Amino acid sequence: ITEMLTGFDLVKWQIRTAAGIPLNFT
């Protein structure tokens, strides 16, 4: 429901941050 409200995919960003990729939004 957070994904639906904000438009951000939490699972993908969880994977990206674990791979050392920085957030590209604030």
mmCIF file of all heavy atoms, coordinates in Angstrom:
data_MODEL
# 
_entry.id   MODEL 
# 
loop_
_atom_site.group_PDB 
_atom_site.id 
_atom_site.type_symbol 
_atom_site.label_atom_id 
_atom_site.label_alt_id 
_atom_site.label_comp_id 
_atom_site.label_asym_id 
_atom_site.label_entity_id 
_atom_site.label_seq_id 
_atom_site.pdbx_PDB_ins_code 
_atom_site.Cartn_x 
_atom_site.Cartn_y 
_atom_site.Cartn_z 
_atom_site.occupancy 
_atom_site.B_iso_or_equiv 
_atom_site.pdbx_formal_charge 
_atom_site.auth_seq_id 
_atom_site.auth_comp_id 
_atom_site.auth_asym_id 
_atom_site.auth_atom_id 
_atom_site.pdbx_PDB_model_num 
ATOM 1   N N   . ILE A 1 1  ? 0.820  -1.203 0.000   1.00 0.00 ? 1  ILE A N   1 
ATOM 2   C CA  . ILE A 1 1  ? 0.000  0.000  0.000   1.00 0.00 ? 1  ILE A CA  1 
ATOM 3   C C   . ILE A 1 1  ? 0.862  1.265  0.000   1.00 0.00 ? 1  ILE A C   1 
ATOM 4   O O   . ILE A 1 1  ? 0.463  2.295  -0.540  1.00 0.00 ? 1  ILE A O   1 
ATOM 5   C CB  . ILE A 1 1  ? -1.031 0.016  1.150   1.00 0.00 ? 1  ILE A CB  1 
ATOM 6   C CG1 . ILE A 1 1  ? -0.383 -0.224 2.518   1.00 0.00 ? 1  ILE A CG1 1 
ATOM 7   C CG2 . ILE A 1 1  ? -2.140 -0.979 0.883   1.00 0.00 ? 1  ILE A CG2 1 
ATOM 8   C CD1 . ILE A 1 1  ? -1.347 -0.050 3.688   1.00 0.00 ? 1  ILE A CD1 1 
ATOM 9   N N   . THR A 1 2  ? 2.053  1.181  0.588   1.00 0.00 ? 2  THR A N   1 
ATOM 10  C CA  . THR A 1 2  ? 2.981  2.310  0.511   1.00 0.00 ? 2  THR A CA  1 
ATOM 11  C C   . THR A 1 2  ? 3.454  2.488  -0.928  1.00 0.00 ? 2  THR A C   1 
ATOM 12  O O   . THR A 1 2  ? 3.585  3.623  -1.411  1.00 0.00 ? 2  THR A O   1 
ATOM 13  C CB  . THR A 1 2  ? 4.170  2.087  1.450   1.00 0.00 ? 2  THR A CB  1 
ATOM 14  O OG1 . THR A 1 2  ? 3.709  2.103  2.797   1.00 0.00 ? 2  THR A OG1 1 
ATOM 15  C CG2 . THR A 1 2  ? 5.233  3.162  1.272   1.00 0.00 ? 2  THR A CG2 1 
ATOM 16  N N   . GLU A 1 3  ? 3.694  1.387  -1.619  1.00 0.00 ? 3  GLU A N   1 
ATOM 17  C CA  . GLU A 1 3  ? 4.079  1.461  -3.032  1.00 0.00 ? 3  GLU A CA  1 
ATOM 18  C C   . GLU A 1 3  ? 2.974  2.106  -3.859  1.00 0.00 ? 3  GLU A C   1 
ATOM 19  O O   . GLU A 1 3  ? 3.240  2.921  -4.748  1.00 0.00 ? 3  GLU A O   1 
ATOM 20  C CB  . GLU A 1 3  ? 4.383  0.064  -3.556  1.00 0.00 ? 3  GLU A CB  1 
ATOM 21  C CG  . GLU A 1 3  ? 5.625  -0.557 -2.942  1.00 0.00 ? 3  GLU A CG  1 
ATOM 22  C CD  . GLU A 1 3  ? 5.897  -1.970 -3.431  1.00 0.00 ? 3  GLU A CD  1 
ATOM 23  O OE1 . GLU A 1 3  ? 4.924  -2.683 -3.772  1.00 0.00 ? 3  GLU A OE1 1 
ATOM 24  O OE2 . GLU A 1 3  ? 7.077  -2.360 -3.470  1.00 0.00 ? 3  GLU A OE2 1 
ATOM 25  N N   . MET A 1 4  ? 1.723  1.748  -3.566  1.00 0.00 ? 4  MET A N   1 
ATOM 26  C CA  . MET A 1 4  ? 0.608  2.304  -4.318  1.00 0.00 ? 4  MET A CA  1 
ATOM 27  C C   . MET A 1 4  ? 0.437  3.794  -4.035  1.00 0.00 ? 4  MET A C   1 
ATOM 28  O O   . MET A 1 4  ? 0.087  4.579  -4.921  1.00 0.00 ? 4  MET A O   1 
ATOM 29  C CB  . MET A 1 4  ? -0.681 1.547  -3.991  1.00 0.00 ? 4  MET A CB  1 
ATOM 30  C CG  . MET A 1 4  ? -0.636 0.083  -4.379  1.00 0.00 ? 4  MET A CG  1 
ATOM 31  S SD  . MET A 1 4  ? -2.133 -0.833 -3.937  1.00 0.00 ? 4  MET A SD  1 
ATOM 32  C CE  . MET A 1 4  ? -3.194 -0.457 -5.342  1.00 0.00 ? 4  MET A CE  1 
ATOM 33  N N   . LEU A 1 5  ? 0.680  4.207  -2.797  1.00 0.00 ? 5  LEU A N   1 
ATOM 34  C CA  . LEU A 1 5  ? 0.513  5.605  -2.416  1.00 0.00 ? 5  LEU A CA  1 
ATOM 35  C C   . LEU A 1 5  ? 1.610  6.489  -2.979  1.00 0.00 ? 5  LEU A C   1 
ATOM 36  O O   . LEU A 1 5  ? 1.347  7.610  -3.430  1.00 0.00 ? 5  LEU A O   1 
ATOM 37  C CB  . LEU A 1 5  ? 0.481  5.728  -0.887  1.00 0.00 ? 5  LEU A CB  1 
ATOM 38  C CG  . LEU A 1 5  ? 0.162  7.120  -0.340  1.00 0.00 ? 5  LEU A CG  1 
ATOM 39  C CD1 . LEU A 1 5  ? -1.330 7.413  -0.485  1.00 0.00 ? 5  LEU A CD1 1 
ATOM 40  C CD2 . LEU A 1 5  ? 0.579  7.236  1.120   1.00 0.00 ? 5  LEU A CD2 1 
ATOM 41  N N   . THR A 1 6  ? 2.855  5.999  -2.964  1.00 0.00 ? 6  THR A N   1 
ATOM 42  C CA  . THR A 1 6  ? 4.005  6.841  -3.335  1.00 0.00 ? 6  THR A CA  1 
ATOM 43  C C   . THR A 1 6  ? 4.531  6.595  -4.739  1.00 0.00 ? 6  THR A C   1 
ATOM 44  O O   . THR A 1 6  ? 5.222  7.453  -5.303  1.00 0.00 ? 6  THR A O   1 
ATOM 45  C CB  . THR A 1 6  ? 5.166  6.620  -2.350  1.00 0.00 ? 6  THR A CB  1 
ATOM 46  O OG1 . THR A 1 6  ? 5.633  5.258  -2.466  1.00 0.00 ? 6  THR A OG1 1 
ATOM 47  C CG2 . THR A 1 6  ? 4.735  6.892  -0.912  1.00 0.00 ? 6  THR A CG2 1 
ATOM 48  N N   . GLY A 1 7  ? 4.267  5.410  -5.297  1.00 0.00 ? 7  GLY A N   1 
ATOM 49  C CA  . GLY A 1 7  ? 4.783  5.090  -6.621  1.00 0.00 ? 7  GLY A CA  1 
ATOM 50  C C   . GLY A 1 7  ? 6.191  4.530  -6.623  1.00 0.00 ? 7  GLY A C   1 
ATOM 51  O O   . GLY A 1 7  ? 6.764  4.287  -7.693  1.00 0.00 ? 7  GLY A O   1 
ATOM 52  N N   . PHE A 1 8  ? 6.768  4.274  -5.449  1.00 0.00 ? 8  PHE A N   1 
ATOM 53  C CA  . PHE A 1 8  ? 8.119  3.712  -5.365  1.00 0.00 ? 8  PHE A CA  1 
ATOM 54  C C   . PHE A 1 8  ? 8.056  2.229  -5.050  1.00 0.00 ? 8  PHE A C   1 
ATOM 55  O O   . PHE A 1 8  ? 7.318  1.813  -4.146  1.00 0.00 ? 8  PHE A O   1 
ATOM 56  C CB  . PHE A 1 8  ? 8.944  4.436  -4.295  1.00 0.00 ? 8  PHE A CB  1 
ATOM 57  C CG  . PHE A 1 8  ? 9.319  5.839  -4.672  1.00 0.00 ? 8  PHE A CG  1 
ATOM 58  C CD1 . PHE A 1 8  ? 8.532  6.913  -4.288  1.00 0.00 ? 8  PHE A CD1 1 
ATOM 59  C CD2 . PHE A 1 8  ? 10.458 6.089  -5.423  1.00 0.00 ? 8  PHE A CD2 1 
ATOM 60  C CE1 . PHE A 1 8  ? 8.864  8.213  -4.636  1.00 0.00 ? 8  PHE A CE1 1 
ATOM 61  C CE2 . PHE A 1 8  ? 10.810 7.383  -5.779  1.00 0.00 ? 8  PHE A CE2 1 
ATOM 62  C CZ  . PHE A 1 8  ? 10.003 8.452  -5.389  1.00 0.00 ? 8  PHE A CZ  1 
ATOM 63  N N   . ASP A 1 9  ? 8.825  1.424  -5.784  1.00 0.00 ? 9  ASP A N   1 
ATOM 64  C CA  . ASP A 1 9  ? 8.866  -0.022 -5.592  1.00 0.00 ? 9  ASP A CA  1 
ATOM 65  C C   . ASP A 1 9  ? 9.865  -0.342 -4.480  1.00 0.00 ? 9  ASP A C   1 
ATOM 66  O O   . ASP A 1 9  ? 11.076 -0.269 -4.668  1.00 0.00 ? 9  ASP A O   1 
ATOM 67  C CB  . ASP A 1 9  ? 9.275  -0.705 -6.898  1.00 0.00 ? 9  ASP A CB  1 
ATOM 68  C CG  . ASP A 1 9  ? 9.115  -2.215 -6.857  1.00 0.00 ? 9  ASP A CG  1 
ATOM 69  O OD1 . ASP A 1 9  ? 9.552  -2.836 -5.863  1.00 0.00 ? 9  ASP A OD1 1 
ATOM 70  O OD2 . ASP A 1 9  ? 8.547  -2.778 -7.815  1.00 0.00 ? 9  ASP A OD2 1 
ATOM 71  N N   . LEU A 1 10 ? 9.349  -0.724 -3.309  1.00 0.00 ? 10 LEU A N   1 
ATOM 72  C CA  . LEU A 1 10 ? 10.211 -0.964 -2.154  1.00 0.00 ? 10 LEU A CA  1 
ATOM 73  C C   . LEU A 1 10 ? 11.087 -2.191 -2.325  1.00 0.00 ? 10 LEU A C   1 
ATOM 74  O O   . LEU A 1 10 ? 12.233 -2.224 -1.856  1.00 0.00 ? 10 LEU A O   1 
ATOM 75  C CB  . LEU A 1 10 ? 9.364  -1.095 -0.889  1.00 0.00 ? 10 LEU A CB  1 
ATOM 76  C CG  . LEU A 1 10 ? 8.781  0.212  -0.355  1.00 0.00 ? 10 LEU A CG  1 
ATOM 77  C CD1 . LEU A 1 10 ? 7.766  -0.068 0.740   1.00 0.00 ? 10 LEU A CD1 1 
ATOM 78  C CD2 . LEU A 1 10 ? 9.890  1.114  0.169   1.00 0.00 ? 10 LEU A CD2 1 
ATOM 79  N N   . VAL A 1 11 ? 10.578 -3.226 -2.980  1.00 0.00 ? 11 VAL A N   1 
ATOM 80  C CA  . VAL A 1 11 ? 11.374 -4.446 -3.162  1.00 0.00 ? 11 VAL A CA  1 
ATOM 81  C C   . VAL A 1 11 ? 12.567 -4.173 -4.072  1.00 0.00 ? 11 VAL A C   1 
ATOM 82  O O   . VAL A 1 11 ? 13.703 -4.578 -3.780  1.00 0.00 ? 11 VAL A O   1 
ATOM 83  C CB  . VAL A 1 11 ? 10.506 -5.592 -3.709  1.00 0.00 ? 11 VAL A CB  1 
ATOM 84  C CG1 . VAL A 1 11 ? 11.369 -6.822 -3.987  1.00 0.00 ? 11 VAL A CG1 1 
ATOM 85  C CG2 . VAL A 1 11 ? 9.396  -5.940 -2.730  1.00 0.00 ? 11 VAL A CG2 1 
ATOM 86  N N   . LYS A 1 12 ? 12.336 -3.472 -5.163  1.00 0.00 ? 12 LYS A N   1 
ATOM 87  C CA  . LYS A 1 12 ? 13.444 -3.150 -6.066  1.00 0.00 ? 12 LYS A CA  1 
ATOM 88  C C   . LYS A 1 12 ? 14.478 -2.271 -5.371  1.00 0.00 ? 12 LYS A C   1 
ATOM 89  O O   . LYS A 1 12 ? 15.693 -2.477 -5.511  1.00 0.00 ? 12 LYS A O   1 
ATOM 90  C CB  . LYS A 1 12 ? 12.912 -2.449 -7.313  1.00 0.00 ? 12 LYS A CB  1 
ATOM 91  C CG  . LYS A 1 12 ? 12.126 -3.355 -8.251  1.00 0.00 ? 12 LYS A CG  1 
ATOM 92  C CD  . LYS A 1 12 ? 11.643 -2.586 -9.472  1.00 0.00 ? 12 LYS A CD  1 
ATOM 93  C CE  . LYS A 1 12 ? 10.818 -3.477 -10.392 1.00 0.00 ? 12 LYS A CE  1 
ATOM 94  N NZ  . LYS A 1 12 ? 10.280 -2.730 -11.554 1.00 0.00 ? 12 LYS A NZ  1 
ATOM 95  N N   . TRP A 1 13 ? 14.007 -1.294 -4.584  1.00 0.00 ? 13 TRP A N   1 
ATOM 96  C CA  . TRP A 1 13 ? 14.964 -0.421 -3.916  1.00 0.00 ? 13 TRP A CA  1 
ATOM 97  C C   . TRP A 1 13 ? 15.669 -1.125 -2.769  1.00 0.00 ? 13 TRP A C   1 
ATOM 98  O O   . TRP A 1 13 ? 16.830 -0.817 -2.458  1.00 0.00 ? 13 TRP A O   1 
ATOM 99  C CB  . TRP A 1 13 ? 14.286 0.860  -3.450  1.00 0.00 ? 13 TRP A CB  1 
ATOM 100 C CG  . TRP A 1 13 ? 14.268 1.881  -4.545  1.00 0.00 ? 13 TRP A CG  1 
ATOM 101 C CD1 . TRP A 1 13 ? 13.200 2.310  -5.274  1.00 0.00 ? 13 TRP A CD1 1 
ATOM 102 C CD2 . TRP A 1 13 ? 15.415 2.540  -5.075  1.00 0.00 ? 13 TRP A CD2 1 
ATOM 103 N NE1 . TRP A 1 13 ? 13.603 3.214  -6.223  1.00 0.00 ? 13 TRP A NE1 1 
ATOM 104 C CE2 . TRP A 1 13 ? 14.960 3.382  -6.120  1.00 0.00 ? 13 TRP A CE2 1 
ATOM 105 C CE3 . TRP A 1 13 ? 16.771 2.531  -4.778  1.00 0.00 ? 13 TRP A CE3 1 
ATOM 106 C CZ2 . TRP A 1 13 ? 15.827 4.188  -6.870  1.00 0.00 ? 13 TRP A CZ2 1 
ATOM 107 C CZ3 . TRP A 1 13 ? 17.638 3.322  -5.517  1.00 0.00 ? 13 TRP A CZ3 1 
ATOM 108 C CH2 . TRP A 1 13 ? 17.165 4.143  -6.550  1.00 0.00 ? 13 TRP A CH2 1 
ATOM 109 N N   . GLN A 1 14 ? 15.027 -2.117 -2.180  1.00 0.00 ? 14 GLN A N   1 
ATOM 110 C CA  . GLN A 1 14 ? 15.717 -2.917 -1.169  1.00 0.00 ? 14 GLN A CA  1 
ATOM 111 C C   . GLN A 1 14 ? 16.868 -3.679 -1.814  1.00 0.00 ? 14 GLN A C   1 
ATOM 112 O O   . GLN A 1 14 ? 17.976 -3.755 -1.250  1.00 0.00 ? 14 GLN A O   1 
ATOM 113 C CB  . GLN A 1 14 ? 14.733 -3.888 -0.520  1.00 0.00 ? 14 GLN A CB  1 
ATOM 114 C CG  . GLN A 1 14 ? 15.335 -4.704 0.616   1.00 0.00 ? 14 GLN A CG  1 
ATOM 115 C CD  . GLN A 1 14 ? 14.364 -5.713 1.183   1.00 0.00 ? 14 GLN A CD  1 
ATOM 116 O OE1 . GLN A 1 14 ? 13.445 -6.169 0.501   1.00 0.00 ? 14 GLN A OE1 1 
ATOM 117 N NE2 . GLN A 1 14 ? 14.551 -6.071 2.443   1.00 0.00 ? 14 GLN A NE2 1 
ATOM 118 N N   . ILE A 1 15 ? 16.632 -4.221 -2.982  1.00 0.00 ? 15 ILE A N   1 
ATOM 119 C CA  . ILE A 1 15 ? 17.673 -4.949 -3.711  1.00 0.00 ? 15 ILE A CA  1 
ATOM 120 C C   . ILE A 1 15 ? 18.782 -3.991 -4.157  1.00 0.00 ? 15 ILE A C   1 
ATOM 121 O O   . ILE A 1 15 ? 19.984 -4.291 -4.015  1.00 0.00 ? 15 ILE A O   1 
ATOM 122 C CB  . ILE A 1 15 ? 17.070 -5.689 -4.910  1.00 0.00 ? 15 ILE A CB  1 
ATOM 123 C CG1 . ILE A 1 15 ? 16.132 -6.807 -4.421  1.00 0.00 ? 15 ILE A CG1 1 
ATOM 124 C CG2 . ILE A 1 15 ? 18.161 -6.271 -5.809  1.00 0.00 ? 15 ILE A CG2 1 
ATOM 125 C CD1 . ILE A 1 15 ? 15.298 -7.447 -5.510  1.00 0.00 ? 15 ILE A CD1 1 
ATOM 126 N N   . ARG A 1 16 ? 18.394 -2.842 -4.668  1.00 0.00 ? 16 ARG A N   1 
ATOM 127 C CA  . ARG A 1 16 ? 19.389 -1.877 -5.148  1.00 0.00 ? 16 ARG A CA  1 
ATOM 128 C C   . ARG A 1 16 ? 20.290 -1.380 -4.017  1.00 0.00 ? 16 ARG A C   1 
ATOM 129 O O   . ARG A 1 16 ? 21.518 -1.309 -4.175  1.00 0.00 ? 16 ARG A O   1 
ATOM 130 C CB  . ARG A 1 16 ? 18.691 -0.690 -5.806  1.00 0.00 ? 16 ARG A CB  1 
ATOM 131 C CG  . ARG A 1 16 ? 18.029 -1.022 -7.132  1.00 0.00 ? 16 ARG A CG  1 
ATOM 132 C CD  . ARG A 1 16 ? 17.366 0.214  -7.721  1.00 0.00 ? 16 ARG A CD  1 
ATOM 133 N NE  . ARG A 1 16 ? 16.625 -0.118 -8.929  1.00 0.00 ? 16 ARG A NE  1 
ATOM 134 C CZ  . ARG A 1 16 ? 15.348 0.198  -9.143  1.00 0.00 ? 16 ARG A CZ  1 
ATOM 135 N NH1 . ARG A 1 16 ? 14.671 0.855  -8.205  1.00 0.00 ? 16 ARG A NH1 1 
ATOM 136 N NH2 . ARG A 1 16 ? 14.756 -0.137 -10.278 1.00 0.00 ? 16 ARG A NH2 1 
ATOM 137 N N   . THR A 1 17 ? 19.706 -1.027 -2.878  1.00 0.00 ? 17 THR A N   1 
ATOM 138 C CA  . THR A 1 17 ? 20.539 -0.528 -1.777  1.00 0.00 ? 17 THR A CA  1 
ATOM 139 C C   . THR A 1 17 ? 21.471 -1.609 -1.261  1.00 0.00 ? 17 THR A C   1 
ATOM 140 O O   . THR A 1 17 ? 22.599 -1.320 -0.851  1.00 0.00 ? 17 THR A O   1 
ATOM 141 C CB  . THR A 1 17 ? 19.674 0.019  -0.627  1.00 0.00 ? 17 THR A CB  1 
ATOM 142 O OG1 . THR A 1 17 ? 18.731 -0.978 -0.206  1.00 0.00 ? 17 THR A OG1 1 
ATOM 143 C CG2 . THR A 1 17 ? 18.920 1.268  -1.061  1.00 0.00 ? 17 THR A CG2 1 
ATOM 144 N N   . ALA A 1 18 ? 21.021 -2.884 -1.276  1.00 0.00 ? 18 ALA A N   1 
ATOM 145 C CA  . ALA A 1 18 ? 21.893 -3.986 -0.867  1.00 0.00 ? 18 ALA A CA  1 
ATOM 146 C C   . ALA A 1 18 ? 23.057 -4.158 -1.841  1.00 0.00 ? 18 ALA A C   1 
ATOM 147 O O   . ALA A 1 18 ? 24.139 -4.624 -1.454  1.00 0.00 ? 18 ALA A O   1 
ATOM 148 C CB  . ALA A 1 18 ? 21.092 -5.279 -0.777  1.00 0.00 ? 18 ALA A CB  1 
ATOM 149 N N   . ALA A 1 19 ? 22.842 -3.775 -3.104  1.00 0.00 ? 19 ALA A N   1 
ATOM 150 C CA  . ALA A 1 19 ? 23.896 -3.862 -4.115  1.00 0.00 ? 19 ALA A CA  1 
ATOM 151 C C   . ALA A 1 19 ? 24.803 -2.631 -4.113  1.00 0.00 ? 19 ALA A C   1 
ATOM 152 O O   . ALA A 1 19 ? 25.719 -2.539 -4.938  1.00 0.00 ? 19 ALA A O   1 
ATOM 153 C CB  . ALA A 1 19 ? 23.265 -4.041 -5.495  1.00 0.00 ? 19 ALA A CB  1 
ATOM 154 N N   . GLY A 1 20 ? 24.541 -1.691 -3.202  1.00 0.00 ? 20 GLY A N   1 
ATOM 155 C CA  . GLY A 1 20 ? 25.390 -0.505 -3.100  1.00 0.00 ? 20 GLY A CA  1 
ATOM 156 C C   . GLY A 1 20 ? 24.997 0.625  -4.023  1.00 0.00 ? 20 GLY A C   1 
ATOM 157 O O   . GLY A 1 20 ? 25.793 1.543  -4.266  1.00 0.00 ? 20 GLY A O   1 
ATOM 158 N N   . ILE A 1 21 ? 23.776 0.597  -4.538  1.00 0.00 ? 21 ILE A N   1 
ATOM 159 C CA  . ILE A 1 21 ? 23.300 1.654  -5.434  1.00 0.00 ? 21 ILE A CA  1 
ATOM 160 C C   . ILE A 1 21 ? 22.648 2.757  -4.597  1.00 0.00 ? 21 ILE A C   1 
ATOM 161 O O   . ILE A 1 21 ? 21.782 2.474  -3.770  1.00 0.00 ? 21 ILE A O   1 
ATOM 162 C CB  . ILE A 1 21 ? 22.301 1.085  -6.454  1.00 0.00 ? 21 ILE A CB  1 
ATOM 163 C CG1 . ILE A 1 21 ? 23.004 0.046  -7.343  1.00 0.00 ? 21 ILE A CG1 1 
ATOM 164 C CG2 . ILE A 1 21 ? 21.666 2.190  -7.298  1.00 0.00 ? 21 ILE A CG2 1 
ATOM 165 C CD1 . ILE A 1 21 ? 22.074 -0.696 -8.276  1.00 0.00 ? 21 ILE A CD1 1 
ATOM 166 N N   . PRO A 1 22 ? 23.035 4.007  -4.809  1.00 0.00 ? 22 PRO A N   1 
ATOM 167 C CA  . PRO A 1 22 ? 22.451 5.092  -4.009  1.00 0.00 ? 22 PRO A CA  1 
ATOM 168 C C   . PRO A 1 22 ? 21.028 5.429  -4.444  1.00 0.00 ? 22 PRO A C   1 
ATOM 169 O O   . PRO A 1 22 ? 20.637 5.191  -5.592  1.00 0.00 ? 22 PRO A O   1 
ATOM 170 C CB  . PRO A 1 22 ? 23.394 6.270  -4.274  1.00 0.00 ? 22 PRO A CB  1 
ATOM 171 C CG  . PRO A 1 22 ? 23.975 5.990  -5.628  1.00 0.00 ? 22 PRO A CG  1 
ATOM 172 C CD  . PRO A 1 22 ? 24.099 4.494  -5.719  1.00 0.00 ? 22 PRO A CD  1 
ATOM 173 N N   . LEU A 1 23 ? 20.256 5.976  -3.515  1.00 0.00 ? 23 LEU A N   1 
ATOM 174 C CA  . LEU A 1 23 ? 18.928 6.466  -3.855  1.00 0.00 ? 23 LEU A CA  1 
ATOM 175 C C   . LEU A 1 23 ? 19.051 7.604  -4.858  1.00 0.00 ? 23 LEU A C   1 
ATOM 176 O O   . LEU A 1 23 ? 19.930 8.461  -4.723  1.00 0.00 ? 23 LEU A O   1 
ATOM 177 C CB  . LEU A 1 23 ? 18.209 6.978  -2.598  1.00 0.00 ? 23 LEU A CB  1 
ATOM 178 C CG  . LEU A 1 23 ? 17.978 5.991  -1.447  1.00 0.00 ? 23 LEU A CG  1 
ATOM 179 C CD1 . LEU A 1 23 ? 17.226 6.690  -0.310  1.00 0.00 ? 23 LEU A CD1 1 
ATOM 180 C CD2 . LEU A 1 23 ? 17.206 4.770  -1.918  1.00 0.00 ? 23 LEU A CD2 1 
ATOM 181 N N   . ASN A 1 24 ? 18.167 7.626  -5.849  1.00 0.00 ? 24 ASN A N   1 
ATOM 182 C CA  . ASN A 1 24 ? 18.208 8.705  -6.843  1.00 0.00 ? 24 ASN A CA  1 
ATOM 183 C C   . ASN A 1 24 ? 17.058 9.691  -6.653  1.00 0.00 ? 24 ASN A C   1 
ATOM 184 O O   . ASN A 1 24 ? 16.653 10.381 -7.585  1.00 0.00 ? 24 ASN A O   1 
ATOM 185 C CB  . ASN A 1 24 ? 18.205 8.141  -8.262  1.00 0.00 ? 24 ASN A CB  1 
ATOM 186 C CG  . ASN A 1 24 ? 16.937 7.350  -8.583  1.00 0.00 ? 24 ASN A CG  1 
ATOM 187 O OD1 . ASN A 1 24 ? 16.025 7.264  -7.761  1.00 0.00 ? 24 ASN A OD1 1 
ATOM 188 N ND2 . ASN A 1 24 ? 16.879 6.789  -9.781  1.00 0.00 ? 24 ASN A ND2 1 
ATOM 189 N N   . PHE A 1 25 ? 16.524 9.750  -5.434  1.00 0.00 ? 25 PHE A N   1 
ATOM 190 C CA  . PHE A 1 25 ? 15.471 10.695 -5.104  1.00 0.00 ? 25 PHE A CA  1 
ATOM 191 C C   . PHE A 1 25 ? 15.631 11.109 -3.640  1.00 0.00 ? 25 PHE A C   1 
ATOM 192 O O   . PHE A 1 25 ? 16.331 10.454 -2.867  1.00 0.00 ? 25 PHE A O   1 
ATOM 193 C CB  . PHE A 1 25 ? 14.089 10.091 -5.350  1.00 0.00 ? 25 PHE A CB  1 
ATOM 194 C CG  . PHE A 1 25 ? 13.825 8.808  -4.600  1.00 0.00 ? 25 PHE A CG  1 
ATOM 195 C CD1 . PHE A 1 25 ? 13.176 8.815  -3.373  1.00 0.00 ? 25 PHE A CD1 1 
ATOM 196 C CD2 . PHE A 1 25 ? 14.233 7.576  -5.121  1.00 0.00 ? 25 PHE A CD2 1 
ATOM 197 C CE1 . PHE A 1 25 ? 12.928 7.641  -2.684  1.00 0.00 ? 25 PHE A CE1 1 
ATOM 198 C CE2 . PHE A 1 25 ? 13.992 6.397  -4.429  1.00 0.00 ? 25 PHE A CE2 1 
ATOM 199 C CZ  . PHE A 1 25 ? 13.339 6.422  -3.209  1.00 0.00 ? 25 PHE A CZ  1 
ATOM 200 N N   . THR A 1 26 ? 14.981 12.186 -3.256  1.00 0.00 ? 26 THR A N   1 
ATOM 201 C CA  . THR A 1 26 ? 15.063 12.715 -1.894  1.00 0.00 ? 26 THR A CA  1 
ATOM 202 C C   . THR A 1 26 ? 13.671 12.791 -1.281  1.00 0.00 ? 26 THR A C   1 
ATOM 203 O O   . THR A 1 26 ? 12.672 12.489 -1.946  1.00 0.00 ? 26 THR A O   1 
ATOM 204 C CB  . THR A 1 26 ? 15.695 14.120 -1.893  1.00 0.00 ? 26 THR A CB  1 
ATOM 205 O OG1 . THR A 1 26 ? 14.805 15.029 -2.566  1.00 0.00 ? 26 THR A OG1 1 
ATOM 206 C CG2 . THR A 1 26 ? 17.052 14.118 -2.591  1.00 0.00 ? 26 THR A CG2 1 
# 
